[in-house]
Amino acid sequence: MQLRRLPSMVSLRGFEACVRHLNFSQAAAELHITQSAISHQIKQLEDLLGVELFERQSGAMKLTRNGAELLPVVRVFFKEMSRVVDGFERGERRIPVLEVFVHDSFANTWLIPRLPRFQALCPGIGIKLNTEEFARFDNANAQVAIRLETRAASWPGLYSEFIFAERIFPVCSAALIEALGLPAAADDILRYPLILRSRSKLNGQMVSSPSWEYWLDHHGVAGESLNCALSVPHTSMAVLAALRGLGVAMARTSHISDELKTGELQKLFPDELDTDSGYYFLCAQGKEKIPEIQAFMSWVKVQACSSVE
């Protein structure tokens, strides 16, 4: 975009002072210049703009309609300039902000607990979390998404990288295992109080977590007589309920790796069941080369490796 010749800051500063005082002599005194100098500045400004900014009658001054239109623009300009210069003097600078679309359960249990490590590693990058169901990428911002999808999924126009596979397994508190013991076989799970994911609406349709159904079907266990102790809408709630000893939850590797390491939660069986889903890193095609996106993507992959070891 080509800009026409713009007024100088000196003439704009003189104009703003004249508006406040409505007197050339007083405005000149404030700016430590002569009356003729400020009068010359205003004349040059009017000539450049091709309009009169002040009416002069019998020694009195008042703004013209054109002057009144210019005034708020000039004041906003000086206000913004002062803010930026003050920031420079205080050593401030704007940092790039990366918007991350992520499901709230994954954010609460995996991403947020690890974010202090990213901030320590990359203090010059801000993070904005967005838990909208679908990422709306635009060309103006640095945006990424971490999504749980089937491995057959495709995203036309998006760059994608596989992060880690989704694996599921039953977990509960150590106190519950102490009270009921470990199951000897998969069908022993039927005697335990279970924490189930309730059916909920997504885009107007009823959906439910396939985790328990998938695990039971894989192990050949009929699920008609499940002992449902609690029904919750989110995986993060199921994990929290299991931590409080309310029953057995079907957990994901990504959600409870730290709790397993500390012993707060324990597996009822040693094996983890692979699903056909996994976590993917997504961004608009070509945006993967933006420095803050590269840094965040590399960090996520390192964290993913450590969380599934």
Protein backbone atom coordinates (compact mmCIF):
# COMPACT_ATOMS: atom_id res chain seq x y z
CA MET A 1 0.00 0.00 0.00
CA GLN A 2 1.37 3.40 -1.02
CA LEU A 3 0.90 6.28 1.39
CA ARG A 4 0.59 9.88 0.29
CA ARG A 5 2.91 12.42 1.87
CA LEU A 6 1.99 12.69 5.54
CA PRO A 7 2.30 15.63 7.96
CA SER A 8 5.38 15.86 10.16
CA MET A 9 5.16 15.01 13.85
CA VAL A 10 6.31 18.58 14.63
CA SER A 11 3.35 20.12 12.82
CA LEU A 12 0.90 17.64 14.37
CA ARG A 13 2.26 18.37 17.84
CA GLY A 14 1.83 22.09 17.17
CA PHE A 15 -1.73 21.51 15.96
CA GLU A 16 -2.66 19.53 19.09
CA ALA A 17 -1.20 22.24 21.37
CA CYS A 18 -3.10 24.96 19.50
CA VAL A 19 -6.35 23.03 19.91
CA ARG A 20 -5.89 22.83 23.68
CA HIS A 21 -5.02 26.50 24.11
CA LEU A 22 -6.89 28.02 21.14
CA ASN A 23 -4.13 30.60 21.27
CA PHE A 24 -0.91 30.68 19.23
CA SER A 25 1.08 32.50 21.93
CA GLN A 26 0.20 30.02 24.69
CA ALA A 27 0.78 27.00 22.43
CA ALA A 28 4.16 28.44 21.39
CA ALA A 29 5.13 29.00 25.02
CA GLU A 30 4.30 25.37 25.89
CA LEU A 31 6.45 24.10 23.03
CA HIS A 32 9.25 26.62 23.69
CA ILE A 33 9.09 28.13 20.21
CA THR A 34 8.07 31.56 18.88
CA GLN A 35 4.53 32.52 17.95
CA SER A 36 5.55 33.02 14.33
CA ALA A 37 7.10 29.53 14.27
CA ILE A 38 3.92 27.78 15.39
CA SER A 39 1.82 29.94 13.09
CA HIS A 40 4.08 28.82 10.24
CA GLN A 41 3.68 25.14 11.27
CA ILE A 42 -0.11 25.37 11.17
CA LYS A 43 0.00 27.15 7.79
CA GLN A 44 2.23 24.40 6.36
CA LEU A 45 -0.10 21.72 7.76
CA GLU A 46 -3.16 23.39 6.22
CA ASP A 47 -1.39 23.75 2.88
CA LEU A 48 -0.39 20.08 2.91
CA LEU A 49 -3.89 18.88 3.77
CA GLY A 50 -5.61 21.41 1.53
CA VAL A 51 -8.09 22.47 4.23
CA GLU A 52 -8.36 25.10 6.95
CA LEU A 53 -8.03 23.76 10.49
CA PHE A 54 -8.80 26.93 12.46
CA GLU A 55 -11.05 29.91 12.01
CA ARG A 56 -9.48 33.20 13.09
CA GLN A 57 -11.88 36.04 13.88
CA SER A 58 -10.96 39.19 15.84
CA GLY A 59 -8.03 37.47 17.49
CA ALA A 60 -10.11 34.44 18.57
CA MET A 61 -9.53 30.89 17.31
CA LYS A 62 -11.85 27.93 16.94
CA LEU A 63 -11.63 24.58 15.19
CA THR A 64 -13.17 24.13 11.78
CA ARG A 65 -15.09 20.98 10.94
CA ASN A 66 -11.96 19.60 9.24
CA GLY A 67 -9.87 20.42 12.31
CA ALA A 68 -12.37 18.63 14.55
CA GLU A 69 -12.14 15.57 12.29
CA LEU A 70 -8.34 15.54 12.41
CA LEU A 71 -8.05 16.05 16.18
CA PRO A 72 -9.04 12.55 17.48
CA VAL A 73 -6.75 10.90 14.94
CA VAL A 74 -3.81 13.02 16.06
CA ARG A 75 -4.48 12.33 19.74
CA VAL A 76 -4.74 8.56 19.21
CA PHE A 77 -1.51 8.68 17.22
CA PHE A 78 0.39 10.45 20.01
CA LYS A 79 -1.16 8.21 22.68
CA GLU A 80 -0.09 5.04 20.87
CA MET A 81 3.35 6.46 20.13
CA SER A 82 3.81 7.33 23.81
CA ARG A 83 2.74 3.84 24.88
CA VAL A 84 5.18 2.13 22.53
CA VAL A 85 8.08 4.44 23.42
CA ASP A 86 7.38 4.01 27.14
CA GLY A 87 7.49 0.26 26.61
CA PHE A 88 10.86 0.52 24.89
CA GLU A 89 12.22 2.62 27.74
CA ARG A 90 11.07 -0.02 30.25
CA GLY A 91 12.63 -2.77 28.19
CA GLU A 92 9.26 -4.24 27.25
CA ARG A 93 8.56 -6.02 24.00
CA ARG A 94 5.64 -7.86 22.54
CA ILE A 95 6.10 -11.60 22.41
CA PRO A 96 4.56 -13.81 19.73
CA VAL A 97 1.45 -15.67 20.91
CA LEU A 98 0.69 -19.18 19.70
CA GLU A 99 -2.98 -20.24 19.81
CA VAL A 100 -3.36 -23.95 20.63
CA PHE A 101 -6.68 -25.69 19.95
CA VAL A 102 -6.96 -28.66 22.29
CA HIS A 103 -9.67 -30.68 24.04
CA ASP A 104 -10.16 -29.59 27.63
CA SER A 105 -9.47 -33.07 29.06
CA PHE A 106 -6.13 -33.30 27.26
CA ALA A 107 -5.28 -29.74 28.25
CA ASN A 108 -6.08 -30.35 31.92
CA THR A 109 -4.35 -33.69 32.32
CA TRP A 110 -1.43 -33.57 29.86
CA LEU A 111 -0.64 -30.17 28.38
CA ILE A 112 -1.09 -27.68 31.24
CA PRO A 113 0.95 -29.72 33.77
CA ARG A 114 3.84 -29.65 31.27
CA LEU A 115 3.54 -26.03 30.09
CA PRO A 116 5.90 -24.66 32.77
CA ARG A 117 8.67 -26.65 31.05
CA PHE A 118 7.86 -24.99 27.72
CA GLN A 119 7.77 -21.54 29.30
CA ALA A 120 11.17 -22.16 30.88
CA LEU A 121 12.57 -23.38 27.56
CA CYS A 122 10.91 -20.72 25.35
CA PRO A 123 10.09 -17.67 27.51
CA GLY A 124 9.69 -15.54 24.38
CA ILE A 125 6.57 -17.40 23.19
CA GLY A 126 3.13 -16.86 24.72
CA ILE A 127 0.47 -19.59 24.65
CA LYS A 128 -3.28 -19.09 24.21
CA LEU A 129 -5.34 -22.24 24.82
CA ASN A 130 -8.60 -22.66 22.91
CA THR A 131 -10.89 -25.60 23.76
CA GLU A 132 -13.35 -25.11 20.89
CA GLU A 133 -14.22 -28.48 19.39
CA PHE A 134 -12.98 -27.57 15.92
CA ALA A 135 -9.92 -25.49 15.12
CA ARG A 136 -10.59 -22.59 12.79
CA PHE A 137 -7.24 -21.77 11.26
CA ASP A 138 -6.75 -18.39 9.61
CA ASN A 139 -3.86 -16.78 7.80
CA ALA A 140 -3.33 -13.96 10.29
CA ASN A 141 -2.33 -15.87 13.41
CA ALA A 142 0.04 -18.60 14.55
CA GLN A 143 -2.33 -21.46 15.34
CA VAL A 144 -1.97 -25.19 15.96
CA ALA A 145 -4.21 -28.01 17.14
CA ILE A 146 -3.60 -31.22 19.06
CA ARG A 147 -6.36 -33.65 18.13
CA LEU A 148 -7.29 -37.22 19.00
CA GLU A 149 -8.24 -38.83 15.69
CA THR A 150 -8.38 -42.23 14.04
CA ARG A 151 -5.23 -43.14 12.18
CA ALA A 152 -7.15 -43.15 8.90
CA ALA A 153 -8.11 -39.49 9.28
CA SER A 154 -6.94 -36.93 6.74
CA TRP A 155 -6.90 -33.13 6.79
CA PRO A 156 -6.80 -31.49 3.34
CA GLY A 157 -4.91 -28.21 3.43
CA LEU A 158 -3.37 -28.92 6.83
CA TYR A 159 0.09 -30.02 7.90
CA SER A 160 -0.04 -32.97 10.32
CA GLU A 161 2.40 -34.93 12.45
CA PHE A 162 1.64 -38.02 14.50
CA ILE A 163 2.47 -37.50 18.18
CA PHE A 164 1.64 -40.76 19.96
CA ALA A 165 -0.83 -43.64 19.88
CA GLU A 166 -3.90 -43.86 22.08
CA ARG A 167 -3.64 -46.75 24.54
CA ILE A 168 -6.22 -47.59 27.19
CA PHE A 169 -6.24 -49.65 30.40
CA PRO A 170 -8.27 -49.88 33.65
CA VAL A 171 -6.88 -48.03 36.70
CA CYS A 172 -7.93 -47.37 40.26
CA SER A 173 -6.52 -46.13 43.55
CA ALA A 174 -4.12 -48.20 45.63
CA ALA A 175 -6.70 -48.23 48.43
CA LEU A 176 -9.28 -49.90 46.19
CA ILE A 177 -6.79 -52.57 45.12
CA GLU A 178 -5.93 -53.16 48.77
CA ALA A 179 -9.62 -53.60 49.56
CA LEU A 180 -10.63 -55.77 46.58
CA GLY A 181 -7.33 -57.24 45.38
CA LEU A 182 -6.07 -57.46 41.82
CA PRO A 183 -8.26 -59.27 39.28
CA ALA A 184 -6.98 -62.65 38.14
CA ALA A 185 -8.65 -62.47 34.73
CA ALA A 186 -10.32 -59.90 32.53
CA ASP A 187 -13.86 -60.97 33.44
CA ASP A 188 -13.08 -60.34 37.12
CA ILE A 189 -13.52 -56.65 36.29
CA LEU A 190 -17.28 -57.20 36.56
CA ARG A 191 -17.05 -57.38 40.36
CA TYR A 192 -15.40 -53.96 40.64
CA PRO A 193 -17.25 -50.64 40.87
CA LEU A 194 -16.71 -49.02 37.48
CA ILE A 195 -16.59 -45.37 36.46
CA LEU A 196 -18.22 -45.02 33.06
CA ARG A 197 -18.32 -42.19 30.55
CA SER A 198 -21.90 -41.01 30.09
CA ARG A 199 -23.39 -40.35 26.69
CA SER A 200 -23.28 -36.71 25.69
CA LYS A 201 -24.12 -34.49 22.74
CA LEU A 202 -21.55 -33.52 20.13
CA ASN A 203 -22.79 -31.39 17.25
CA GLY A 204 -26.35 -32.36 18.09
CA GLN A 205 -25.73 -36.14 18.08
CA MET A 206 -25.44 -38.51 21.02
CA VAL A 207 -21.99 -40.03 21.46
CA SER A 208 -20.23 -42.03 24.15
CA SER A 209 -16.69 -43.05 24.92
CA PRO A 210 -15.83 -46.35 23.25
CA SER A 211 -13.09 -47.14 25.78
CA TRP A 212 -14.86 -49.59 28.09
CA GLU A 213 -16.80 -51.22 25.24
CA TYR A 214 -13.58 -51.54 23.21
CA TRP A 215 -11.63 -53.04 26.11
CA LEU A 216 -14.36 -55.51 27.13
CA ASP A 217 -14.94 -56.65 23.55
CA HIS A 218 -11.21 -57.14 22.99
CA HIS A 219 -11.01 -59.38 26.08
CA GLY A 220 -14.21 -61.28 25.27
CA VAL A 221 -16.08 -60.02 28.32
CA ALA A 222 -19.84 -59.46 28.09
CA GLY A 223 -20.66 -56.00 29.38
CA GLU A 224 -24.36 -56.41 30.19
CA SER A 225 -23.77 -56.74 33.95
CA LEU A 226 -21.34 -53.88 34.56
CA ASN A 227 -21.27 -52.55 38.11
CA CYS A 228 -21.60 -48.83 37.31
CA ALA A 229 -20.62 -46.92 40.44
CA LEU A 230 -20.45 -43.53 38.75
CA SER A 231 -21.19 -42.01 35.36
CA VAL A 232 -19.30 -38.88 34.27
CA PRO A 233 -19.19 -36.84 31.04
CA HIS A 234 -15.42 -36.43 30.70
CA THR A 235 -12.33 -38.62 30.95
CA SER A 236 -10.66 -36.12 33.27
CA MET A 237 -13.58 -36.50 35.69
CA ALA A 238 -13.28 -40.29 35.53
CA VAL A 239 -9.58 -40.05 36.41
CA LEU A 240 -10.30 -37.69 39.30
CA ALA A 241 -13.01 -40.02 40.61
CA ALA A 242 -10.59 -42.96 40.43
CA LEU A 243 -8.01 -40.96 42.38
CA ARG A 244 -10.64 -40.46 45.10
CA GLY A 245 -11.28 -44.20 45.31
CA LEU A 246 -14.74 -44.13 43.73
CA GLY A 247 -14.07 -46.97 41.33
CA VAL A 248 -12.15 -48.21 38.30
CA ALA A 249 -11.73 -45.84 35.35
CA MET A 250 -10.71 -46.63 31.80
CA ALA A 251 -7.69 -44.39 31.38
CA ARG A 252 -5.57 -43.19 28.50
CA THR A 253 -1.78 -43.16 28.55
CA SER A 254 -1.75 -39.46 27.80
CA HIS A 255 -3.98 -38.61 30.75
CA ILE A 256 -2.37 -40.33 33.72
CA SER A 257 1.32 -40.98 33.10
CA ASP A 258 2.30 -38.83 36.08
CA GLU A 259 -0.23 -40.50 38.40
CA LEU A 260 1.13 -43.92 37.44
CA LYS A 261 4.70 -42.81 38.18
CA THR A 262 3.74 -41.50 41.63
CA GLY A 263 1.60 -44.54 42.44
CA GLU A 264 -1.55 -42.47 42.98
CA LEU A 265 -3.21 -44.69 40.39
CA GLN A 266 -2.38 -48.29 39.59
CA LYS A 267 -3.13 -50.56 36.66
CA LEU A 268 -5.34 -53.56 37.26
CA PHE A 269 -3.60 -55.41 34.40
CA PRO A 270 -0.02 -54.96 33.13
CA ASP A 271 -0.93 -54.67 29.45
CA GLU A 272 -2.18 -51.60 27.62
CA LEU A 273 -4.60 -51.95 24.73
CA ASP A 274 -3.81 -50.13 21.49
CA THR A 275 -6.74 -48.43 19.77
CA ASP A 276 -7.07 -47.25 16.21
CA SER A 277 -6.68 -43.64 17.37
CA GLY A 278 -3.80 -41.33 18.13
CA TYR A 279 -2.89 -37.74 18.88
CA TYR A 280 -1.91 -35.51 15.97
CA PHE A 281 -0.30 -32.09 15.70
CA LEU A 282 -2.04 -29.93 13.09
CA CYS A 283 -1.50 -26.50 11.57
CA ALA A 284 -2.24 -24.75 8.29
CA GLN A 285 -0.08 -26.00 5.41
CA GLY A 286 3.12 -23.95 5.24
CA LYS A 287 2.73 -22.55 8.76
CA GLU A 288 4.79 -25.40 10.25
CA LYS A 289 7.90 -23.35 9.43
CA ILE A 290 6.90 -20.41 11.65
CA PRO A 291 9.53 -20.33 14.46
CA GLU A 292 7.08 -20.45 17.38
CA ILE A 293 5.15 -23.33 15.78
CA GLN A 294 8.38 -25.23 15.12
CA ALA A 295 9.49 -24.71 18.72
CA PHE A 296 6.16 -25.83 20.19
CA MET A 297 5.86 -28.84 17.87
CA SER A 298 9.38 -30.04 18.73
CA TRP A 299 8.71 -29.60 22.43
CA VAL A 300 5.39 -31.50 22.24
CA LYS A 301 7.09 -34.45 20.52
CA VAL A 302 9.80 -34.60 23.19
CA GLN A 303 7.18 -34.51 25.95
CA ALA A 304 5.15 -37.18 24.17
CA CYS A 305 8.14 -39.53 24.06
CA SER A 306 8.75 -39.13 27.78
CA SER A 307 5.07 -39.59 28.70
CA VAL A 308 4.64 -42.92 26.91
CA GLU A 309 7.92 -44.54 27.92
